[in-house]
All heavy atoms as atom14 arrays in JSON, in Angstrom:
{
  "sequence": "RFPEVYRAQALLGAQAFLVPSSFRLETGRDHWE",
  "atom14_mask": [
    [1, 1, 1, 1, 1, 1, 1, 1, 1, 1, 1, 0, 0, 0],
    [1, 1, 1, 1, 1, 1, 1, 1, 1, 1, 1, 0, 0, 0],
    [1, 1, 1, 1, 1, 1, 1, 0, 0, 0, 0, 0, 0, 0],
    [1, 1, 1, 1, 1, 1, 1, 1, 1, 0, 0, 0, 0, 0],
    [1, 1, 1, 1, 1, 1, 1, 0, 0, 0, 0, 0, 0, 0],
    [1, 1, 1, 1, 1, 1, 1, 1, 1, 1, 1, 1, 0, 0],
    [1, 1, 1, 1, 1, 1, 1, 1, 1, 1, 1, 0, 0, 0],
    [1, 1, 1, 1, 1, 0, 0, 0, 0, 0, 0, 0, 0, 0],
    [1, 1, 1, 1, 1, 1, 1, 1, 1, 0, 0, 0, 0, 0],
    [1, 1, 1, 1, 1, 0, 0, 0, 0, 0, 0, 0, 0, 0],
    [1, 1, 1, 1, 1, 1, 1, 1, 0, 0, 0, 0, 0, 0],
    [1, 1, 1, 1, 1, 1, 1, 1, 0, 0, 0, 0, 0, 0],
    [1, 1, 1, 1, 0, 0, 0, 0, 0, 0, 0, 0, 0, 0],
    [1, 1, 1, 1, 1, 0, 0, 0, 0, 0, 0, 0, 0, 0],
    [1, 1, 1, 1, 1, 1, 1, 1, 1, 0, 0, 0, 0, 0],
    [1, 1, 1, 1, 1, 0, 0, 0, 0, 0, 0, 0, 0, 0],
    [1, 1, 1, 1, 1, 1, 1, 1, 1, 1, 1, 0, 0, 0],
    [1, 1, 1, 1, 1, 1, 1, 1, 0, 0, 0, 0, 0, 0],
    [1, 1, 1, 1, 1, 1, 1, 0, 0, 0, 0, 0, 0, 0],
    [1, 1, 1, 1, 1, 1, 1, 0, 0, 0, 0, 0, 0, 0],
    [1, 1, 1, 1, 1, 1, 0, 0, 0, 0, 0, 0, 0, 0],
    [1, 1, 1, 1, 1, 1, 0, 0, 0, 0, 0, 0, 0, 0],
    [1, 1, 1, 1, 1, 1, 1, 1, 1, 1, 1, 0, 0, 0],
    [1, 1, 1, 1, 1, 1, 1, 1, 1, 1, 1, 0, 0, 0],
    [1, 1, 1, 1, 1, 1, 1, 1, 0, 0, 0, 0, 0, 0],
    [1, 1, 1, 1, 1, 1, 1, 1, 1, 0, 0, 0, 0, 0],
    [1, 1, 1, 1, 1, 1, 1, 0, 0, 0, 0, 0, 0, 0],
    [1, 1, 1, 1, 0, 0, 0, 0, 0, 0, 0, 0, 0, 0],
    [1, 1, 1, 1, 1, 1, 1, 1, 1, 1, 1, 0, 0, 0],
    [1, 1, 1, 1, 1, 1, 1, 1, 0, 0, 0, 0, 0, 0],
    [1, 1, 1, 1, 1, 1, 1, 1, 1, 1, 0, 0, 0, 0],
    [1, 1, 1, 1, 1, 1, 1, 1, 1, 1, 1, 1, 1, 1],
    [1, 1, 1, 1, 1, 1, 1, 1, 1, 0, 0, 0, 0, 0]
  ],
  "atom14_positions": [
    [[0.74, -1.12, 0.04], [-0.02, 0.03, 0.12], [0.89, 1.33, -0.05], [0.28, 2.33, -0.05], [-0.88, 0.03, 1.19], [-1.91, -1.1, 1.3], [-2.82, -1.13, 2.44], [-3.86, -2.2, 2.32], [-4.9, -2.21, 1.77], [-5.31, -1.1, 1.01], [-5.82, -3.25, 1.77], [0.0, 0.0, 0.0], [0.0, 0.0, 0.0], [0.0, 0.0, 0.0]],
    [[2.15, 1.15, -0.05], [3.06, 2.28, 0.14], [3.95, 2.26, -1.21], [5.01, 1.73, -1.21], [3.92, 2.2, 1.27], [3.08, 2.27, 2.52], [2.54, 1.14, 3.03], [2.67, 3.37, 3.19], [1.74, 1.02, 4.25], [1.87, 3.43, 4.41], [1.44, 2.18, 4.87], [0.0, 0.0, 0.0], [0.0, 0.0, 0.0], [0.0, 0.0, 0.0]],
    [[3.47, 3.04, -2.24], [4.25, 3.02, -3.54], [5.64, 3.5, -3.36], [6.5, 3.24, -4.2], [3.31, 3.91, -4.46], [2.52, 4.72, -3.41], [2.32, 3.92, -2.29], [0.0, 0.0, 0.0], [0.0, 0.0, 0.0], [0.0, 0.0, 0.0], [0.0, 0.0, 0.0], [0.0, 0.0, 0.0], [0.0, 0.0, 0.0], [0.0, 0.0, 0.0]],
    [[5.93, 4.29, -2.33], [7.32, 4.84, -2.21], [8.38, 3.79, -2.09], [9.34, 3.8, -2.61], [7.31, 5.72, -0.94], [6.52, 6.94, -0.96], [5.15, 6.72, -0.37], [4.77, 5.53, -0.31], [4.42, 7.61, -0.02], [0.0, 0.0, 0.0], [0.0, 0.0, 0.0], [0.0, 0.0, 0.0], [0.0, 0.0, 0.0], [0.0, 0.0, 0.0]],
    [[8.02, 2.64, -1.46], [8.92, 1.55, -1.35], [9.37, 0.98, -2.62], [10.54, 0.77, -3.05], [8.25, 0.46, -0.47], [9.18, -0.91, -0.44], [8.0, 0.77, 0.98], [0.0, 0.0, 0.0], [0.0, 0.0, 0.0], [0.0, 0.0, 0.0], [0.0, 0.0, 0.0], [0.0, 0.0, 0.0], [0.0, 0.0, 0.0], [0.0, 0.0, 0.0]],
    [[8.36, 0.74, -3.44], [8.58, 0.15, -4.75], [9.27, 1.08, -5.81], [10.16, 0.7, -6.65], [7.33, -0.43, -5.23], [6.67, -1.48, -4.37], [5.95, -1.0, -3.37], [7.18, -2.81, -4.41], [5.53, -1.99, -2.29], [6.69, -3.69, -3.42], [5.86, -3.34, -2.36], [5.42, -4.23, -1.43], [0.0, 0.0, 0.0], [0.0, 0.0, 0.0]],
    [[8.91, 2.38, -5.74], [9.59, 3.44, -6.54], [11.1, 3.36, -6.17], [11.94, 3.54, -7.0], [8.85, 4.73, -6.55], [9.59, 5.77, -7.33], [9.88, 5.49, -8.76], [8.59, 4.8, -9.5], [7.69, 5.5, -10.18], [7.82, 6.94, -10.25], [6.75, 4.97, -10.8], [0.0, 0.0, 0.0], [0.0, 0.0, 0.0], [0.0, 0.0, 0.0]],
    [[11.28, 3.53, -4.79], [12.64, 3.49, -4.34], [13.5, 2.31, -4.9], [14.63, 2.45, -5.34], [12.7, 3.68, -2.86], [0.0, 0.0, 0.0], [0.0, 0.0, 0.0], [0.0, 0.0, 0.0], [0.0, 0.0, 0.0], [0.0, 0.0, 0.0], [0.0, 0.0, 0.0], [0.0, 0.0, 0.0], [0.0, 0.0, 0.0], [0.0, 0.0, 0.0]],
    [[12.84, 1.24, -4.9], [13.52, -0.08, -5.2], [13.81, -0.04, -6.74], [14.91, -0.42, -7.26], [12.75, -1.22, -4.87], [12.65, -1.64, -3.4], [11.79, -2.82, -3.1], [11.12, -3.29, -3.96], [11.81, -3.33, -1.84], [0.0, 0.0, 0.0], [0.0, 0.0, 0.0], [0.0, 0.0, 0.0], [0.0, 0.0, 0.0], [0.0, 0.0, 0.0]],
    [[12.78, 0.44, -7.44], [12.89, 0.57, -8.87], [14.06, 1.65, -9.23], [14.94, 1.28, -10.24], [11.66, 1.03, -9.66], [0.0, 0.0, 0.0], [0.0, 0.0, 0.0], [0.0, 0.0, 0.0], [0.0, 0.0, 0.0], [0.0, 0.0, 0.0], [0.0, 0.0, 0.0], [0.0, 0.0, 0.0], [0.0, 0.0, 0.0], [0.0, 0.0, 0.0]],
    [[14.23, 2.59, -8.55], [15.2, 3.59, -8.97], [16.51, 3.1, -8.45], [17.61, 3.6, -8.9], [14.91, 4.88, -8.28], [13.7, 5.57, -8.85], [13.44, 6.88, -8.06], [13.9, 5.91, -10.26], [0.0, 0.0, 0.0], [0.0, 0.0, 0.0], [0.0, 0.0, 0.0], [0.0, 0.0, 0.0], [0.0, 0.0, 0.0], [0.0, 0.0, 0.0]],
    [[16.63, 2.03, -7.5], [17.95, 1.46, -7.14], [18.2, 0.21, -8.1], [19.15, -0.51, -7.72], [17.82, 1.02, -5.84], [17.83, 2.17, -4.71], [17.46, 1.61, -3.36], [19.1, 2.7, -4.79], [0.0, 0.0, 0.0], [0.0, 0.0, 0.0], [0.0, 0.0, 0.0], [0.0, 0.0, 0.0], [0.0, 0.0, 0.0], [0.0, 0.0, 0.0]],
    [[17.39, 0.03, -9.19], [17.64, -0.89, -10.15], [16.79, -2.29, -10.17], [17.13, -3.11, -10.92], [0.0, 0.0, 0.0], [0.0, 0.0, 0.0], [0.0, 0.0, 0.0], [0.0, 0.0, 0.0], [0.0, 0.0, 0.0], [0.0, 0.0, 0.0], [0.0, 0.0, 0.0], [0.0, 0.0, 0.0], [0.0, 0.0, 0.0], [0.0, 0.0, 0.0]],
    [[15.78, -2.22, -9.29], [15.04, -3.42, -9.23], [14.3, -3.68, -10.6], [13.73, -2.81, -11.2], [13.96, -3.3, -8.13], [0.0, 0.0, 0.0], [0.0, 0.0, 0.0], [0.0, 0.0, 0.0], [0.0, 0.0, 0.0], [0.0, 0.0, 0.0], [0.0, 0.0, 0.0], [0.0, 0.0, 0.0], [0.0, 0.0, 0.0], [0.0, 0.0, 0.0]],
    [[14.28, -5.04, -10.97], [13.46, -5.43, -12.18], [12.41, -6.41, -11.85], [11.53, -6.67, -12.5], [14.44, -6.19, -12.96], [15.58, -5.42, -13.51], [16.87, -6.21, -13.92], [17.56, -6.8, -13.1], [17.1, -6.28, -15.21], [0.0, 0.0, 0.0], [0.0, 0.0, 0.0], [0.0, 0.0, 0.0], [0.0, 0.0, 0.0], [0.0, 0.0, 0.0]],
    [[12.4, -6.73, -10.45], [11.29, -7.67, -9.9], [11.12, -7.36, -8.46], [12.07, -7.04, -7.8], [11.51, -9.09, -10.2], [0.0, 0.0, 0.0], [0.0, 0.0, 0.0], [0.0, 0.0, 0.0], [0.0, 0.0, 0.0], [0.0, 0.0, 0.0], [0.0, 0.0, 0.0], [0.0, 0.0, 0.0], [0.0, 0.0, 0.0], [0.0, 0.0, 0.0]],
    [[9.88, -7.45, -7.94], [9.59, -7.34, -6.59], [9.08, -8.65, -6.08], [8.24, -9.41, -6.66], [8.43, -6.3, -6.31], [8.73, -4.89, -6.89], [7.75, -4.34, -7.7], [9.93, -4.29, -6.78], [7.99, -3.03, -8.27], [10.1, -3.07, -7.33], [9.14, -2.39, -8.03], [0.0, 0.0, 0.0], [0.0, 0.0, 0.0], [0.0, 0.0, 0.0]],
    [[9.61, -9.01, -4.91], [9.23, -10.23, -4.27], [8.43, -9.94, -2.92], [9.05, -9.33, -2.07], [10.5, -11.06, -3.98], [11.4, -11.26, -5.14], [12.73, -12.11, -4.77], [10.74, -11.87, -6.33], [0.0, 0.0, 0.0], [0.0, 0.0, 0.0], [0.0, 0.0, 0.0], [0.0, 0.0, 0.0], [0.0, 0.0, 0.0], [0.0, 0.0, 0.0]],
    [[7.25, -10.49, -2.79], [6.4, -9.91, -1.77], [5.54, -11.06, -1.1], [4.6, -11.39, -1.41], [5.38, -8.9, -2.3], [4.58, -8.11, -1.26], [5.78, -7.99, -3.29], [0.0, 0.0, 0.0], [0.0, 0.0, 0.0], [0.0, 0.0, 0.0], [0.0, 0.0, 0.0], [0.0, 0.0, 0.0], [0.0, 0.0, 0.0], [0.0, 0.0, 0.0]],
    [[6.27, -11.59, -0.01], [5.43, -12.47, 0.87], [4.35, -11.83, 1.55], [4.55, -10.66, 2.05], [6.62, -12.96, 1.88], [7.88, -12.61, 1.28], [7.6, -11.52, 0.5], [0.0, 0.0, 0.0], [0.0, 0.0, 0.0], [0.0, 0.0, 0.0], [0.0, 0.0, 0.0], [0.0, 0.0, 0.0], [0.0, 0.0, 0.0], [0.0, 0.0, 0.0]],
    [[3.12, -12.49, 1.78], [1.99, -11.74, 2.17], [1.09, -12.75, 2.98], [1.21, -13.9, 2.87], [1.19, -11.12, 1.11], [1.93, -10.17, 0.41], [0.0, 0.0, 0.0], [0.0, 0.0, 0.0], [0.0, 0.0, 0.0], [0.0, 0.0, 0.0], [0.0, 0.0, 0.0], [0.0, 0.0, 0.0], [0.0, 0.0, 0.0], [0.0, 0.0, 0.0]],
    [[0.29, -12.11, 3.87], [-0.89, -12.88, 4.53], [-2.09, -11.83, 4.52], [-2.53, -11.45, 5.61], [-0.54, -13.29, 5.92], [-0.07, -12.16, 6.72], [0.0, 0.0, 0.0], [0.0, 0.0, 0.0], [0.0, 0.0, 0.0], [0.0, 0.0, 0.0], [0.0, 0.0, 0.0], [0.0, 0.0, 0.0], [0.0, 0.0, 0.0], [0.0, 0.0, 0.0]],
    [[-2.53, -11.44, 3.34], [-3.56, -10.48, 3.13], [-4.92, -11.06, 3.66], [-5.21, -12.23, 3.42], [-3.64, -10.24, 1.57], [-3.53, -8.6, 1.26], [-2.39, -8.0, 1.32], [-4.63, -7.97, 0.92], [-2.19, -6.68, 0.99], [-4.57, -6.57, 0.55], [-3.32, -5.96, 0.69], [0.0, 0.0, 0.0], [0.0, 0.0, 0.0], [0.0, 0.0, 0.0]],
    [[-5.63, -10.04, 4.35], [-6.95, -10.52, 4.88], [-7.86, -10.62, 3.72], [-7.9, -9.91, 2.74], [-7.38, -9.41, 5.78], [-6.47, -9.11, 7.03], [-6.41, -10.22, 7.99], [-5.69, -9.76, 9.15], [-6.15, -9.24, 10.24], [-7.53, -9.08, 10.43], [-5.29, -8.84, 11.29], [0.0, 0.0, 0.0], [0.0, 0.0, 0.0], [0.0, 0.0, 0.0]],
    [[-8.85, -11.64, 3.95], [-9.89, -11.72, 3.03], [-10.64, -10.53, 2.69], [-11.06, -10.14, 1.61], [-10.93, -12.91, 3.49], [-12.1, -13.13, 2.6], [-11.68, -13.77, 1.25], [-13.01, -14.22, 3.21], [0.0, 0.0, 0.0], [0.0, 0.0, 0.0], [0.0, 0.0, 0.0], [0.0, 0.0, 0.0], [0.0, 0.0, 0.0], [0.0, 0.0, 0.0]],
    [[-11.03, -9.86, 3.72], [-11.91, -8.71, 3.66], [-11.31, -7.51, 2.75], [-12.01, -6.96, 1.9], [-12.3, -8.1, 5.09], [-13.01, -9.03, 5.85], [-12.21, -9.94, 6.68], [-11.02, -10.02, 6.51], [-12.75, -10.73, 7.44], [0.0, 0.0, 0.0], [0.0, 0.0, 0.0], [0.0, 0.0, 0.0], [0.0, 0.0, 0.0], [0.0, 0.0, 0.0]],
    [[-10.05, -7.37, 2.85], [-9.28, -6.37, 2.0], [-8.88, -6.9, 0.74], [-8.83, -6.23, -0.25], [-8.12, -5.74, 2.81], [-7.38, -6.69, 3.31], [-8.71, -4.96, 3.92], [0.0, 0.0, 0.0], [0.0, 0.0, 0.0], [0.0, 0.0, 0.0], [0.0, 0.0, 0.0], [0.0, 0.0, 0.0], [0.0, 0.0, 0.0], [0.0, 0.0, 0.0]],
    [[-8.53, -8.23, 0.76], [-7.94, -8.85, -0.39], [-8.79, -8.88, -1.56], [-8.34, -8.67, -2.76], [0.0, 0.0, 0.0], [0.0, 0.0, 0.0], [0.0, 0.0, 0.0], [0.0, 0.0, 0.0], [0.0, 0.0, 0.0], [0.0, 0.0, 0.0], [0.0, 0.0, 0.0], [0.0, 0.0, 0.0], [0.0, 0.0, 0.0], [0.0, 0.0, 0.0]],
    [[-10.09, -9.09, -1.34], [-11.03, -9.31, -2.46], [-11.19, -8.07, -3.24], [-11.63, -7.98, -4.44], [-12.42, -9.88, -1.99], [-13.05, -9.03, -0.95], [-14.19, -9.88, -0.24], [-14.83, -9.18, 0.81], [-15.59, -9.71, 1.74], [-15.71, -11.07, 1.76], [-16.11, -9.06, 2.66], [0.0, 0.0, 0.0], [0.0, 0.0, 0.0], [0.0, 0.0, 0.0]],
    [[-10.98, -6.88, -2.61], [-10.98, -5.59, -3.32], [-9.72, -4.93, -3.65], [-9.64, -4.27, -4.63], [-11.86, -4.59, -2.49], [-13.27, -5.01, -2.22], [-13.87, -5.48, -3.25], [-13.79, -4.72, -1.19], [0.0, 0.0, 0.0], [0.0, 0.0, 0.0], [0.0, 0.0, 0.0], [0.0, 0.0, 0.0], [0.0, 0.0, 0.0], [0.0, 0.0, 0.0]],
    [[-8.71, -5.3, -2.91], [-7.48, -4.48, -3.0], [-6.36, -5.27, -3.56], [-5.35, -4.78, -4.16], [-7.01, -3.91, -1.74], [-8.08, -2.95, -1.18], [-8.08, -2.64, 0.15], [-9.14, -2.38, -1.59], [-9.04, -1.78, 0.41], [-9.77, -1.74, -0.7], [0.0, 0.0, 0.0], [0.0, 0.0, 0.0], [0.0, 0.0, 0.0], [0.0, 0.0, 0.0]],
    [[-6.16, -6.66, -3.35], [-5.01, -7.34, -3.71], [-4.6, -7.23, -5.09], [-3.41, -6.8, -5.34], [-5.36, -8.87, -3.31], [-4.29, -9.85, -3.71], [-4.36, -10.82, -4.43], [-3.04, -10.01, -2.97], [-3.25, -11.64, -4.45], [-2.46, -11.28, -3.57], [-2.41, -9.48, -2.01], [-1.21, -11.67, -3.13], [-1.1, -9.92, -1.51], [-0.66, -11.08, -2.09]],
    [[-5.35, -7.63, -6.04], [-4.87, -7.64, -7.5], [-4.66, -6.1, -7.93], [-3.67, -5.96, -8.59], [-6.02, -8.24, -8.31], [-5.54, -8.31, -9.77], [-6.54, -9.05, -10.64], [-7.34, -9.87, -10.26], [-6.52, -8.8, -11.91], [0.0, 0.0, 0.0], [0.0, 0.0, 0.0], [0.0, 0.0, 0.0], [0.0, 0.0, 0.0], [0.0, 0.0, 0.0]]
  ]
}
């Protein structure tokens, strides 16, 4: 939910993001994808 993390990684050269998660059902069905 914090795009700053991923933009900083991209600007540091990231080509892929690896994201372990335990997303809640209530938020996941609307927000995850």
